[in-house]
Each structure stands twice: as C-alpha cells, then as structure tokens.
Amino acid sequence: MADNEDTRTWPELAIGLYDKLTGRGAEITYDFEDFDLYVPSKAGEGAEYAHWKMNGILKIRTKEE
C-alpha cells in the first residue's frame, strides 16, 4: 500500500487487507443471511450507491508457503 495511510478506493482497501493478512495464517469467515449493503462509489458527499444483497458464506483465507 502507498505511504499514505488513508484508504480512498476499494482496491486500496483490498490491498491493505491482503497485506495485513498475508503470511499470518489468517482466516476470516462472514456468514450472510438476507443482508443488504449499499456500497458507495466514493468517500464523501455526492456518492452514488450500488445495492448488494448477500446470502451465504464468504471466506477470506491466507496461507504462508
């Protein structure tokens, strides 16, 4: 991730999460049941929102090789 610690985009968030978890043997499990999420297009005022509806399990795993 860049030297600036402010996360401003979804790719920066994903990269930051991956950097933190890589090599730590971490596993994060989310179980969603009829979950609605409105994802902003940007931080701050004037953002548009995408509606995501989730059911099921999302797992994020890392493994040190």
PDB file of N, CA and C in Angstrom:
ATOM      1  N   MET A   1       0.844  -1.168   0.000  1.00  0.00           N
ATOM      2  CA  MET A   1       0.000   0.000   0.000  1.00  0.00           C
ATOM      3  C   MET A   1       0.892   1.234   0.000  1.00  0.00           C
ATOM      4  N   ALA A   2       0.375   2.308  -0.472  1.00  0.00           N
ATOM      5  CA  ALA A   2       1.144   3.540  -0.555  1.00  0.00           C
ATOM      6  C   ALA A   2       1.498   4.041   0.840  1.00  0.00           C
ATOM      7  N   ASP A   3       2.437   4.984   0.879  1.00  0.00           N
ATOM      8  CA  ASP A   3       2.867   5.544   2.164  1.00  0.00           C
ATOM      9  C   ASP A   3       1.719   6.255   2.874  1.00  0.00           C
ATOM     10  N   ASN A   4       0.793   6.811   2.117  1.00  0.00           N
ATOM     11  CA  ASN A   4      -0.351   7.488   2.692  1.00  0.00           C
ATOM     12  C   ASN A   4      -1.279   6.441   3.298  1.00  0.00           C
ATOM     13  N   GLU A   5      -1.583   6.530   4.576  1.00  0.00           N
ATOM     14  CA  GLU A   5      -2.387   5.521   5.271  1.00  0.00           C
ATOM     15  C   GLU A   5      -3.878   5.676   5.045  1.00  0.00           C
ATOM     16  N   ASP A   6      -4.319   6.758   4.375  1.00  0.00           N
ATOM     17  CA  ASP A   6      -5.742   6.958   4.114  1.00  0.00           C
ATOM     18  C   ASP A   6      -6.182   6.074   2.962  1.00  0.00           C
ATOM     19  N   THR A   7      -7.153   5.215   3.206  1.00  0.00           N
ATOM     20  CA  THR A   7      -7.714   4.360   2.162  1.00  0.00           C
ATOM     21  C   THR A   7      -8.807   5.144   1.465  1.00  0.00           C
ATOM     22  N   ARG A   8      -8.666   5.276   0.148  1.00  0.00           N
ATOM     23  CA  ARG A   8      -9.615   6.099  -0.601  1.00  0.00           C
ATOM     24  C   ARG A   8     -10.402   5.314  -1.648  1.00  0.00           C
ATOM     25  N   THR A   9      -9.972   4.112  -1.998  1.00  0.00           N
ATOM     26  CA  THR A   9     -10.665   3.346  -3.025  1.00  0.00           C
ATOM     27  C   THR A   9     -10.834   1.902  -2.575  1.00  0.00           C
ATOM     28  N   TRP A  10     -11.757   1.166  -3.231  1.00  0.00           N
ATOM     29  CA  TRP A  10     -11.959  -0.250  -2.915  1.00  0.00           C
ATOM     30  C   TRP A  10     -10.698  -1.065  -3.187  1.00  0.00           C
ATOM     31  N   PRO A  11      -9.977  -0.833  -4.291  1.00  0.00           N
ATOM     32  CA  PRO A  11      -8.726  -1.591  -4.493  1.00  0.00           C
ATOM     33  C   PRO A  11      -7.705  -1.347  -3.383  1.00  0.00           C
ATOM     34  N   GLU A  12      -7.590  -0.116  -2.904  1.00  0.00           N
ATOM     35  CA  GLU A  12      -6.670   0.171  -1.796  1.00  0.00           C
ATOM     36  C   GLU A  12      -7.079  -0.597  -0.544  1.00  0.00           C
ATOM     37  N   LEU A  13      -8.382  -0.680  -0.296  1.00  0.00           N
ATOM     38  CA  LEU A  13      -8.873  -1.434   0.861  1.00  0.00           C
ATOM     39  C   LEU A  13      -8.508  -2.908   0.729  1.00  0.00           C
ATOM     40  N   ALA A  14      -8.735  -3.481  -0.450  1.00  0.00           N
ATOM     41  CA  ALA A  14      -8.418  -4.897  -0.678  1.00  0.00           C
ATOM     42  C   ALA A  14      -6.922  -5.154  -0.539  1.00  0.00           C
ATOM     43  N   ILE A  15      -6.105  -4.278  -1.093  1.00  0.00           N
ATOM     44  CA  ILE A  15      -4.648  -4.434  -1.000  1.00  0.00           C
ATOM     45  C   ILE A  15      -4.209  -4.338   0.456  1.00  0.00           C
ATOM     46  N   GLY A  16      -4.750  -3.383   1.192  1.00  0.00           N
ATOM     47  CA  GLY A  16      -4.397  -3.230   2.603  1.00  0.00           C
ATOM     48  C   GLY A  16      -4.773  -4.453   3.418  1.00  0.00           C
ATOM     49  N   LEU A  17      -5.961  -5.005   3.167  1.00  0.00           N
ATOM     50  CA  LEU A  17      -6.399  -6.209   3.869  1.00  0.00           C
ATOM     51  C   LEU A  17      -5.475  -7.376   3.545  1.00  0.00           C
ATOM     52  N   TYR A  18      -5.177  -7.554   2.273  1.00  0.00           N
ATOM     53  CA  TYR A  18      -4.291  -8.640   1.851  1.00  0.00           C
ATOM     54  C   TYR A  18      -2.909  -8.493   2.491  1.00  0.00           C
ATOM     55  N   ASP A  19      -2.364  -7.276   2.483  1.00  0.00           N
ATOM     56  CA  ASP A  19      -1.052  -7.035   3.087  1.00  0.00           C
ATOM     57  C   ASP A  19      -1.037  -7.390   4.568  1.00  0.00           C
ATOM     58  N   LYS A  20      -2.103  -7.065   5.270  1.00  0.00           N
ATOM     59  CA  LYS A  20      -2.169  -7.342   6.709  1.00  0.00           C
ATOM     60  C   LYS A  20      -2.275  -8.838   6.999  1.00  0.00           C
ATOM     61  N   LEU A  21      -2.975  -9.588   6.137  1.00  0.00           N
ATOM     62  CA  LEU A  21      -3.238 -10.993   6.408  1.00  0.00           C
ATOM     63  C   LEU A  21      -2.187 -11.944   5.847  1.00  0.00           C
ATOM     64  N   THR A  22      -1.511 -11.546   4.797  1.00  0.00           N
ATOM     65  CA  THR A  22      -0.561 -12.438   4.134  1.00  0.00           C
ATOM     66  C   THR A  22       0.498 -12.911   5.119  1.00  0.00           C
ATOM     67  N   GLY A  23       0.704 -14.207   5.119  1.00  0.00           N
ATOM     68  CA  GLY A  23       1.752 -14.768   5.966  1.00  0.00           C
ATOM     69  C   GLY A  23       1.369 -14.952   7.417  1.00  0.00           C
ATOM     70  N   ARG A  24       0.148 -14.654   7.765  1.00  0.00           N
ATOM     71  CA  ARG A  24      -0.263 -14.768   9.165  1.00  0.00           C
ATOM     72  C   ARG A  24      -1.172 -15.966   9.401  1.00  0.00           C
ATOM     73  N   GLY A  25      -1.462 -16.720   8.346  1.00  0.00           N
ATOM     74  CA  GLY A  25      -2.341 -17.880   8.500  1.00  0.00           C
ATOM     75  C   GLY A  25      -3.748 -17.494   8.903  1.00  0.00           C
ATOM     76  N   ALA A  26      -4.160 -16.295   8.559  1.00  0.00           N
ATOM     77  CA  ALA A  26      -5.464 -15.790   8.987  1.00  0.00           C
ATOM     78  C   ALA A  26      -6.593 -16.352   8.148  1.00  0.00           C
ATOM     79  N   GLU A  27      -7.750 -16.488   8.744  1.00  0.00           N
ATOM     80  CA  GLU A  27      -8.966 -16.826   8.036  1.00  0.00           C
ATOM     81  C   GLU A  27     -10.085 -15.979   8.617  1.00  0.00           C
ATOM     82  N   ILE A  28     -10.796 -15.301   7.742  1.00  0.00           N
ATOM     83  CA  ILE A  28     -11.950 -14.507   8.142  1.00  0.00           C
ATOM     84  C   ILE A  28     -13.161 -15.130   7.464  1.00  0.00           C
ATOM     85  N   THR A  29     -14.197 -15.423   8.212  1.00  0.00           N
ATOM     86  CA  THR A  29     -15.407 -16.008   7.651  1.00  0.00           C
ATOM     87  C   THR A  29     -16.586 -15.102   7.981  1.00  0.00           C
ATOM     88  N   TYR A  30     -17.340 -14.752   6.951  1.00  0.00           N
ATOM     89  CA  TYR A  30     -18.562 -13.973   7.116  1.00  0.00           C
ATOM     90  C   TYR A  30     -19.720 -14.840   6.662  1.00  0.00           C
ATOM     91  N   ASP A  31     -20.781 -14.893   7.433  1.00  0.00           N
ATOM     92  CA  ASP A  31     -21.974 -15.661   7.092  1.00  0.00           C
ATOM     93  C   ASP A  31     -23.125 -14.666   6.974  1.00  0.00           C
ATOM     94  N   PHE A  32     -23.642 -14.500   5.757  1.00  0.00           N
ATOM     95  CA  PHE A  32     -24.678 -13.519   5.492  1.00  0.00           C
ATOM     96  C   PHE A  32     -26.024 -14.206   5.283  1.00  0.00           C
ATOM     97  N   GLU A  33     -27.055 -13.658   5.895  1.00  0.00           N
ATOM     98  CA  GLU A  33     -28.408 -14.147   5.683  1.00  0.00           C
ATOM     99  C   GLU A  33     -29.313 -12.945   5.441  1.00  0.00           C
ATOM    100  N   ASP A  34     -29.753 -12.809   4.204  1.00  0.00           N
ATOM    101  CA  ASP A  34     -30.640 -11.714   3.821  1.00  0.00           C
ATOM    102  C   ASP A  34     -30.036 -10.366   4.220  1.00  0.00           C
ATOM    103  N   PHE A  35     -28.796 -10.151   3.815  1.00  0.00           N
ATOM    104  CA  PHE A  35     -28.026  -8.959   4.184  1.00  0.00           C
ATOM    105  C   PHE A  35     -28.011  -7.982   3.016  1.00  0.00           C
ATOM    106  N   ASP A  36     -28.400  -6.741   3.260  1.00  0.00           N
ATOM    107  CA  ASP A  36     -28.372  -5.687   2.248  1.00  0.00           C
ATOM    108  C   ASP A  36     -27.230  -4.732   2.553  1.00  0.00           C
ATOM    109  N   LEU A  37     -26.454  -4.406   1.522  1.00  0.00           N
ATOM    110  CA  LEU A  37     -25.324  -3.499   1.671  1.00  0.00           C
ATOM    111  C   LEU A  37     -25.378  -2.476   0.550  1.00  0.00           C
ATOM    112  N   TYR A  38     -25.227  -1.228   0.897  1.00  0.00           N
ATOM    113  CA  TYR A  38     -25.186  -0.161  -0.100  1.00  0.00           C
ATOM    114  C   TYR A  38     -23.757   0.348  -0.162  1.00  0.00           C
ATOM    115  N   VAL A  39     -23.087   0.058  -1.273  1.00  0.00           N
ATOM    116  CA  VAL A  39     -21.666   0.338  -1.438  1.00  0.00           C
ATOM    117  C   VAL A  39     -21.498   1.694  -2.118  1.00  0.00           C
ATOM    118  N   PRO A  40     -20.796   2.634  -1.458  1.00  0.00           N
ATOM    119  CA  PRO A  40     -20.624   3.959  -2.062  1.00  0.00           C
ATOM    120  C   PRO A  40     -19.603   3.941  -3.197  1.00  0.00           C
ATOM    121  N   SER A  41     -19.836   4.805  -4.177  1.00  0.00           N
ATOM    122  CA  SER A  41     -18.924   4.917  -5.308  1.00  0.00           C
ATOM    123  C   SER A  41     -17.664   5.696  -4.941  1.00  0.00           C
ATOM    124  N   LYS A  42     -17.728   6.465  -3.866  1.00  0.00           N
ATOM    125  CA  LYS A  42     -16.580   7.247  -3.411  1.00  0.00           C
ATOM    126  C   LYS A  42     -16.825   7.670  -1.970  1.00  0.00           C
ATOM    127  N   ALA A  43     -15.779   8.139  -1.323  1.00  0.00           N
ATOM    128  CA  ALA A  43     -15.904   8.659   0.036  1.00  0.00           C
ATOM    129  C   ALA A  43     -16.395  10.107  -0.045  1.00  0.00           C
ATOM    130  N   GLY A  44     -17.172  10.509   0.934  1.00  0.00           N
ATOM    131  CA  GLY A  44     -17.611  11.896   0.995  1.00  0.00           C
ATOM    132  C   GLY A  44     -18.990  12.107   0.406  1.00  0.00           C
ATOM    133  N   GLU A  45     -19.329  13.386   0.297  1.00  0.00           N
ATOM    134  CA  GLU A  45     -20.650  13.765  -0.193  1.00  0.00           C
ATOM    135  C   GLU A  45     -20.792  13.493  -1.686  1.00  0.00           C
ATOM    136  N   GLY A  46     -22.019  13.284  -2.126  1.00  0.00           N
ATOM    137  CA  GLY A  46     -22.296  13.117  -3.545  1.00  0.00           C
ATOM    138  C   GLY A  46     -22.046  11.721  -4.083  1.00  0.00           C
ATOM    139  N   ALA A  47     -21.813  10.758  -3.209  1.00  0.00           N
ATOM    140  CA  ALA A  47     -21.554   9.388  -3.661  1.00  0.00           C
ATOM    141  C   ALA A  47     -22.850   8.743  -4.128  1.00  0.00           C
ATOM    142  N   GLU A  48     -22.728   7.918  -5.160  1.00  0.00           N
ATOM    143  CA  GLU A  48     -23.836   7.074  -5.582  1.00  0.00           C
ATOM    144  C   GLU A  48     -23.632   5.714  -4.926  1.00  0.00           C
ATOM    145  N   TYR A  49     -24.698   4.928  -4.817  1.00  0.00           N
ATOM    146  CA  TYR A  49     -24.623   3.663  -4.103  1.00  0.00           C
ATOM    147  C   TYR A  49     -25.076   2.498  -4.966  1.00  0.00           C
ATOM    148  N   ALA A  50     -24.307   1.415  -4.913  1.00  0.00           N
ATOM    149  CA  ALA A  50     -24.693   0.159  -5.543  1.00  0.00           C
ATOM    150  C   ALA A  50     -25.303  -0.717  -4.452  1.00  0.00           C
ATOM    151  N   HIS A  51     -26.420  -1.366  -4.768  1.00  0.00           N
ATOM    152  CA  HIS A  51     -27.110  -2.220  -3.795  1.00  0.00           C
ATOM    153  C   HIS A  51     -26.650  -3.664  -3.987  1.00  0.00           C
ATOM    154  N   TRP A  52     -26.050  -4.228  -2.953  1.00  0.00           N
ATOM    155  CA  TRP A  52     -25.630  -5.630  -2.960  1.00  0.00           C
ATOM    156  C   TRP A  52     -26.494  -6.373  -1.959  1.00  0.00           C
ATOM    157  N   LYS A  53     -27.058  -7.506  -2.369  1.00  0.00           N
ATOM    158  CA  LYS A  53     -27.825  -8.370  -1.475  1.00  0.00           C
ATOM    159  C   LYS A  53     -27.043  -9.667  -1.335  1.00  0.00           C
ATOM    160  N   MET A  54     -26.783 -10.095  -0.101  1.00  0.00           N
ATOM    161  CA  MET A  54     -25.931 -11.249   0.132  1.00  0.00           C
ATOM    162  C   MET A  54     -26.631 -12.314   0.956  1.00  0.00           C
ATOM    163  N   ASN A  55     -26.455 -13.553   0.521  1.00  0.00           N
ATOM    164  CA  ASN A  55     -26.872 -14.736   1.253  1.00  0.00           C
ATOM    165  C   ASN A  55     -25.766 -15.755   1.079  1.00  0.00           C
ATOM    166  N   GLY A  56     -25.312 -16.361   2.141  1.00  0.00           N
ATOM    167  CA  GLY A  56     -24.277 -17.379   2.038  1.00  0.00           C
ATOM    168  C   GLY A  56     -23.048 -17.030   2.845  1.00  0.00           C
ATOM    169  N   ILE A  57     -21.956 -17.685   2.514  1.00  0.00           N
ATOM    170  CA  ILE A  57     -20.715 -17.547   3.273  1.00  0.00           C
ATOM    171  C   ILE A  57     -19.610 -17.019   2.379  1.00  0.00           C
ATOM    172  N   LEU A  58     -18.869 -16.044   2.886  1.00  0.00           N
ATOM    173  CA  LEU A  58     -17.691 -15.510   2.219  1.00  0.00           C
ATOM    174  C   LEU A  58     -16.508 -15.797   3.119  1.00  0.00           C
ATOM    175  N   LYS A  59     -15.486 -16.475   2.598  1.00  0.00           N
ATOM    176  CA  LYS A  59     -14.278 -16.772   3.374  1.00  0.00           C
ATOM    177  C   LYS A  59     -13.091 -16.114   2.716  1.00  0.00           C
ATOM    178  N   ILE A  60     -12.265 -15.473   3.515  1.00  0.00           N
ATOM    179  CA  ILE A  60     -11.004 -14.905   3.065  1.00  0.00           C
ATOM    180  C   ILE A  60      -9.916 -15.649   3.810  1.00  0.00           C
ATOM    181  N   ARG A  61      -9.059 -16.328   3.076  1.00  0.00           N
ATOM    182  CA  ARG A  61      -8.014 -17.136   3.700  1.00  0.00           C
ATOM    183  C   ARG A  61      -6.656 -16.732   3.173  1.00  0.00           C
ATOM    184  N   THR A  62      -5.649 -16.847   4.002  1.00  0.00           N
ATOM    185  CA  THR A  62      -4.276 -16.694   3.551  1.00  0.00           C
ATOM    186  C   THR A  62      -3.492 -17.890   4.054  1.00  0.00           C
ATOM    187  N   LYS A  63      -2.443 -18.237   3.344  1.00  0.00           N
ATOM    188  CA  LYS A  63      -1.620 -19.363   3.732  1.00  0.00           C
ATOM    189  C   LYS A  63      -0.168 -19.041   3.406  1.00  0.00           C
ATOM    190  N   GLU A  64       0.687 -19.225   4.372  1.00  0.00           N
ATOM    191  CA  GLU A  64       2.108 -18.968   4.150  1.00  0.00           C
ATOM    192  C   GLU A  64       2.731 -20.182   3.472  1.00  0.00           C
ATOM    193  N   GLU A  65       3.403 -19.974   2.358  1.00  0.00           N
ATOM    194  CA  GLU A  65       4.038 -21.070   1.605  1.00  0.00           C
ATOM    195  C   GLU A  65       5.485 -21.221   2.019  1.00  0.00           C
TER     196      GLU A  65
END
